[in-house]
Amino acid sequence: MSQEPWHRRVLEHRAGLFAVLTTITITIGGLVEIVPMYTIPTDPHATEATLYTPLEQAGRDIYVREGCYNCHSQMVRPMRAETVRYGAWTRAWEYQWDRPFQLGSRRIGPDLQRVGGKYPDAWHWEHLRAPRSTSPGSIMPAYGWLAEDEIDPADVAASVRALATLGHPYADTSEAGVGAQLEAQGGEIVKRLASAKIAASPLSEAVALTAYLQRLGLDGRAALETP
């Protein structure tokens, strides 16, 4: 009597049958993943998701460039231990303007999905400059150069135009228009930093990254956190 396992006798030695069953299995698996995308009702808060401003987008590009996603996730799981610490669990619509999304796979540092508005701008500035000055015991490296380096409005405008071609409805993608928006929003952050006796440039990379971090999780927050 053959000692071969049944799957080899019945399936693997019958190429035609094996191919048919494999196709059926893959089809079922695909339908299980795809069908819900078109049948689950749209979240009523999806319209509250807003575009990143040019400064926030520049900060996001810096976030990706520096590999912040290696230590910080941006996805609060629907479990009590998560929501008590970080806030409302994350909805899919919150990522509709993220290219690419920053879900992350590890948490060497805390999740940042709801960090927007949690700390003042000066806290983020100091945290980037000297992490342990704001978070004793942190193993995060210092990013002091972000305070010295500046973003290039032409590069940011190019990034915004690229996103516009993918369907992001930016009203003005010209270099002059984007530059004006960078100066305006960056200037507001600079004023707040000045009140904490911190001198900064509106085009500082640290200012751009602060703008991005302060934006995270703000869309629809009031409704999401309502019991």
Protein backbone atom coordinates (compact mmCIF):
# COMPACT_ATOMS: atom_id res chain seq x y z
CA MET A 1 0.00 0.00 0.00
CA SER A 2 1.36 3.41 -0.96
CA GLN A 3 2.65 5.56 1.88
CA GLU A 4 2.17 8.79 -0.05
CA PRO A 5 -0.01 11.41 1.65
CA TRP A 6 -3.54 11.63 0.25
CA HIS A 7 -3.05 15.09 -1.19
CA ARG A 8 -0.24 13.83 -3.40
CA ARG A 9 -2.23 10.85 -4.64
CA VAL A 10 -5.49 12.75 -5.17
CA LEU A 11 -4.35 16.24 -6.14
CA GLU A 12 -0.69 16.72 -6.96
CA HIS A 13 -0.54 13.82 -9.42
CA ARG A 14 -3.60 15.18 -11.26
CA ALA A 15 -2.50 18.47 -12.76
CA GLY A 16 -5.84 19.29 -14.35
CA LEU A 17 -7.89 18.74 -11.19
CA PHE A 18 -5.30 20.55 -9.08
CA ALA A 19 -5.39 23.59 -11.41
CA VAL A 20 -9.20 23.74 -11.31
CA LEU A 21 -9.38 23.50 -7.52
CA THR A 22 -6.62 26.09 -7.13
CA THR A 23 -8.49 28.50 -9.41
CA ILE A 24 -11.70 28.02 -7.44
CA THR A 25 -9.91 28.62 -4.14
CA ILE A 26 -8.21 31.81 -5.38
CA THR A 27 -11.51 33.07 -6.80
CA ILE A 28 -13.30 32.53 -3.49
CA GLY A 29 -10.49 34.24 -1.59
CA GLY A 30 -10.55 37.19 -3.98
CA LEU A 31 -14.32 37.60 -3.71
CA VAL A 32 -14.16 37.53 0.08
CA GLU A 33 -11.76 40.49 -0.03
CA ILE A 34 -13.26 42.46 -2.92
CA VAL A 35 -17.04 42.16 -2.46
CA PRO A 36 -17.14 43.92 0.95
CA MET A 37 -15.43 46.96 -0.61
CA TYR A 38 -18.52 47.51 -2.76
CA THR A 39 -21.23 46.40 -0.35
CA ILE A 40 -20.27 48.01 2.97
CA PRO A 41 -22.03 51.40 3.34
CA THR A 42 -19.78 54.45 3.04
CA ASP A 43 -18.90 55.93 6.42
CA PRO A 44 -20.87 59.19 6.79
CA HIS A 45 -17.74 60.94 8.06
CA ALA A 46 -15.73 60.15 4.91
CA THR A 47 -16.50 63.60 3.51
CA GLU A 48 -14.69 65.13 6.50
CA ALA A 49 -11.31 63.91 5.23
CA THR A 50 -9.45 66.94 3.90
CA LEU A 51 -6.37 67.31 1.73
CA TYR A 52 -2.98 67.88 3.25
CA THR A 53 -1.92 71.47 2.74
CA PRO A 54 1.34 71.97 0.80
CA LEU A 55 3.23 72.50 4.08
CA GLU A 56 1.70 69.39 5.64
CA GLN A 57 2.49 67.40 2.49
CA ALA A 58 6.09 68.64 2.65
CA GLY A 59 6.23 67.53 6.28
CA ARG A 60 4.81 64.17 5.31
CA ASP A 61 7.50 63.74 2.66
CA ILE A 62 10.11 64.48 5.35
CA TYR A 63 8.42 61.96 7.67
CA VAL A 64 8.77 59.30 4.95
CA ARG A 65 12.30 60.36 4.05
CA GLU A 66 13.52 60.07 7.63
CA GLY A 67 11.91 56.63 8.06
CA CYS A 68 9.66 57.66 10.94
CA TYR A 69 7.28 54.83 9.97
CA ASN A 70 9.92 52.34 11.11
CA CYS A 71 9.19 53.20 14.74
CA HIS A 72 5.76 54.85 14.69
CA SER A 73 2.55 53.34 13.38
CA GLN A 74 -0.49 55.34 12.30
CA MET A 75 -3.32 52.92 12.96
CA VAL A 76 -5.26 52.62 16.21
CA ARG A 77 -6.72 49.12 16.43
CA PRO A 78 -10.33 48.61 17.60
CA MET A 79 -9.34 47.23 21.02
CA ARG A 80 -9.86 48.87 24.40
CA ALA A 81 -6.17 48.86 25.26
CA GLU A 82 -5.59 50.85 22.06
CA THR A 83 -8.45 53.31 22.30
CA VAL A 84 -7.78 54.13 25.96
CA ARG A 85 -4.20 55.07 25.15
CA TYR A 86 -4.47 56.58 21.68
CA GLY A 87 -8.10 57.56 21.10
CA ALA A 88 -10.75 56.49 18.60
CA TRP A 89 -9.87 53.51 16.45
CA THR A 90 -8.88 54.31 12.88
CA ARG A 91 -11.35 54.26 9.99
CA ALA A 92 -10.37 53.44 6.41
CA TRP A 93 -11.58 56.78 5.04
CA GLU A 94 -8.97 58.62 7.09
CA TYR A 95 -6.31 57.37 4.65
CA GLN A 96 -7.98 58.44 1.42
CA TRP A 97 -5.42 61.22 0.77
CA ASP A 98 -2.39 59.20 1.91
CA ARG A 99 -0.04 58.13 -0.85
CA PRO A 100 1.41 55.91 0.46
CA PHE A 101 -0.38 55.32 3.77
CA GLN A 102 1.76 55.14 6.91
CA LEU A 103 0.09 52.29 8.79
CA GLY A 104 3.43 51.02 10.05
CA SER A 105 4.19 47.55 11.37
CA ARG A 106 6.09 48.28 14.60
CA ARG A 107 5.74 50.51 17.62
CA ILE A 108 9.14 51.27 19.00
CA GLY A 109 7.56 54.67 19.66
CA PRO A 110 3.87 55.46 20.25
CA ASP A 111 1.21 55.41 17.54
CA LEU A 112 0.81 58.86 15.95
CA GLN A 113 -2.63 58.57 14.35
CA ARG A 114 -4.19 60.90 16.97
CA VAL A 115 -1.17 63.04 17.86
CA GLY A 116 -2.54 66.17 16.13
CA GLY A 117 -3.25 68.87 18.73
CA LYS A 118 -2.06 66.70 21.62
CA TYR A 119 1.04 68.83 22.20
CA PRO A 120 1.92 72.46 21.36
CA ASP A 121 4.16 73.24 18.38
CA ALA A 122 7.07 74.01 20.71
CA TRP A 123 6.88 70.47 22.13
CA HIS A 124 7.31 68.95 18.67
CA TRP A 125 10.19 71.34 17.88
CA GLU A 126 12.04 70.37 21.05
CA HIS A 127 11.20 66.69 20.64
CA LEU A 128 12.81 66.68 17.19
CA ARG A 129 15.84 68.63 18.46
CA ALA A 130 16.38 66.61 21.66
CA PRO A 131 13.84 63.80 22.19
CA ARG A 132 14.76 63.12 25.81
CA SER A 133 14.09 66.74 26.75
CA THR A 134 10.38 66.08 26.26
CA SER A 135 10.22 62.29 26.65
CA PRO A 136 12.67 61.03 29.30
CA GLY A 137 13.99 57.58 28.44
CA SER A 138 13.16 57.87 24.75
CA ILE A 139 15.51 56.02 22.38
CA MET A 140 14.56 58.21 19.43
CA PRO A 141 17.59 59.83 17.77
CA ALA A 142 17.83 63.61 17.57
CA TYR A 143 16.86 65.33 14.31
CA GLY A 144 18.49 68.68 14.98
CA TRP A 145 19.30 69.35 11.34
CA LEU A 146 15.61 69.68 10.52
CA ALA A 147 15.63 73.05 12.28
CA GLU A 148 18.45 74.26 10.00
CA ASP A 149 17.45 72.78 6.63
CA GLU A 150 14.65 74.34 4.59
CA ILE A 151 12.13 72.94 2.15
CA ASP A 152 12.25 74.06 -1.48
CA PRO A 153 8.94 75.58 -2.64
CA ALA A 154 9.63 74.34 -6.19
CA ASP A 155 9.99 70.75 -4.94
CA VAL A 156 6.82 71.03 -2.86
CA ALA A 157 4.92 72.46 -5.85
CA ALA A 158 6.12 69.53 -7.96
CA SER A 159 4.89 67.10 -5.30
CA VAL A 160 1.51 68.81 -5.15
CA ARG A 161 1.19 68.72 -8.96
CA ALA A 162 2.01 65.01 -8.98
CA LEU A 163 -0.72 64.37 -6.42
CA ALA A 164 -3.14 66.48 -8.45
CA THR A 165 -2.62 64.16 -11.43
CA LEU A 166 -3.69 61.28 -9.16
CA GLY A 167 -6.96 63.00 -8.28
CA HIS A 168 -6.10 65.16 -5.29
CA PRO A 169 -8.21 68.30 -5.90
CA TYR A 170 -5.68 71.04 -5.18
CA ALA A 171 -6.98 74.44 -6.30
CA ASP A 172 -3.56 76.00 -7.01
CA THR A 173 -0.51 73.94 -7.93
CA SER A 174 1.63 76.77 -9.27
CA GLU A 175 4.97 77.40 -7.62
CA ALA A 176 3.89 80.93 -6.65
CA GLY A 177 0.61 79.73 -5.17
CA VAL A 178 2.18 76.86 -3.28
CA GLY A 179 4.95 79.13 -2.03
CA ALA A 180 2.42 81.60 -0.68
CA GLN A 181 0.59 78.82 1.17
CA LEU A 182 3.85 77.54 2.64
CA GLU A 183 4.76 80.99 3.93
CA ALA A 184 1.28 81.60 5.35
CA GLN A 185 0.90 78.35 7.30
CA GLY A 186 4.58 78.23 8.23
CA GLY A 187 4.32 81.80 9.49
CA GLU A 188 1.51 80.86 11.87
CA ILE A 189 3.62 78.07 13.35
CA VAL A 190 6.61 80.41 13.63
CA LYS A 191 4.48 82.88 15.62
CA ARG A 192 3.46 80.15 18.05
CA LEU A 193 7.06 79.03 18.40
CA ALA A 194 8.13 82.62 19.04
CA SER A 195 5.78 82.75 22.03
CA ALA A 196 7.89 79.91 23.46
CA LYS A 197 11.07 81.88 22.66
CA ILE A 198 11.98 79.66 19.70
CA ALA A 199 13.21 81.35 16.51
CA ALA A 200 12.41 79.51 13.30
CA SER A 201 11.97 79.97 9.56
CA PRO A 202 8.54 79.38 7.96
CA LEU A 203 10.28 77.07 5.47
CA SER A 204 12.20 75.09 8.08
CA GLU A 205 11.90 71.32 7.66
CA ALA A 206 11.10 71.09 11.37
CA VAL A 207 8.21 73.51 10.87
CA ALA A 208 6.90 71.44 7.95
CA LEU A 209 7.13 68.20 9.93
CA THR A 210 5.41 69.88 12.88
CA ALA A 211 2.58 70.99 10.57
CA TYR A 212 2.14 67.39 9.41
CA LEU A 213 2.18 65.90 12.91
CA GLN A 214 -0.28 68.50 14.19
CA ARG A 215 -2.68 67.53 11.42
CA LEU A 216 -2.79 63.80 12.12
CA GLY A 217 -6.15 62.51 13.27
CA LEU A 218 -8.02 65.82 13.25
CA ASP A 219 -10.51 65.00 10.49
CA GLY A 220 -13.82 63.96 12.02
CA ARG A 221 -12.27 63.65 15.48
CA ALA A 222 -15.24 65.02 17.43
CA ALA A 223 -17.65 62.58 15.80
CA LEU A 224 -15.29 59.61 16.05
CA GLU A 225 -14.64 60.09 19.75
CA THR A 226 -18.30 60.47 20.66
CA PRO A 227 -19.34 57.41 22.71
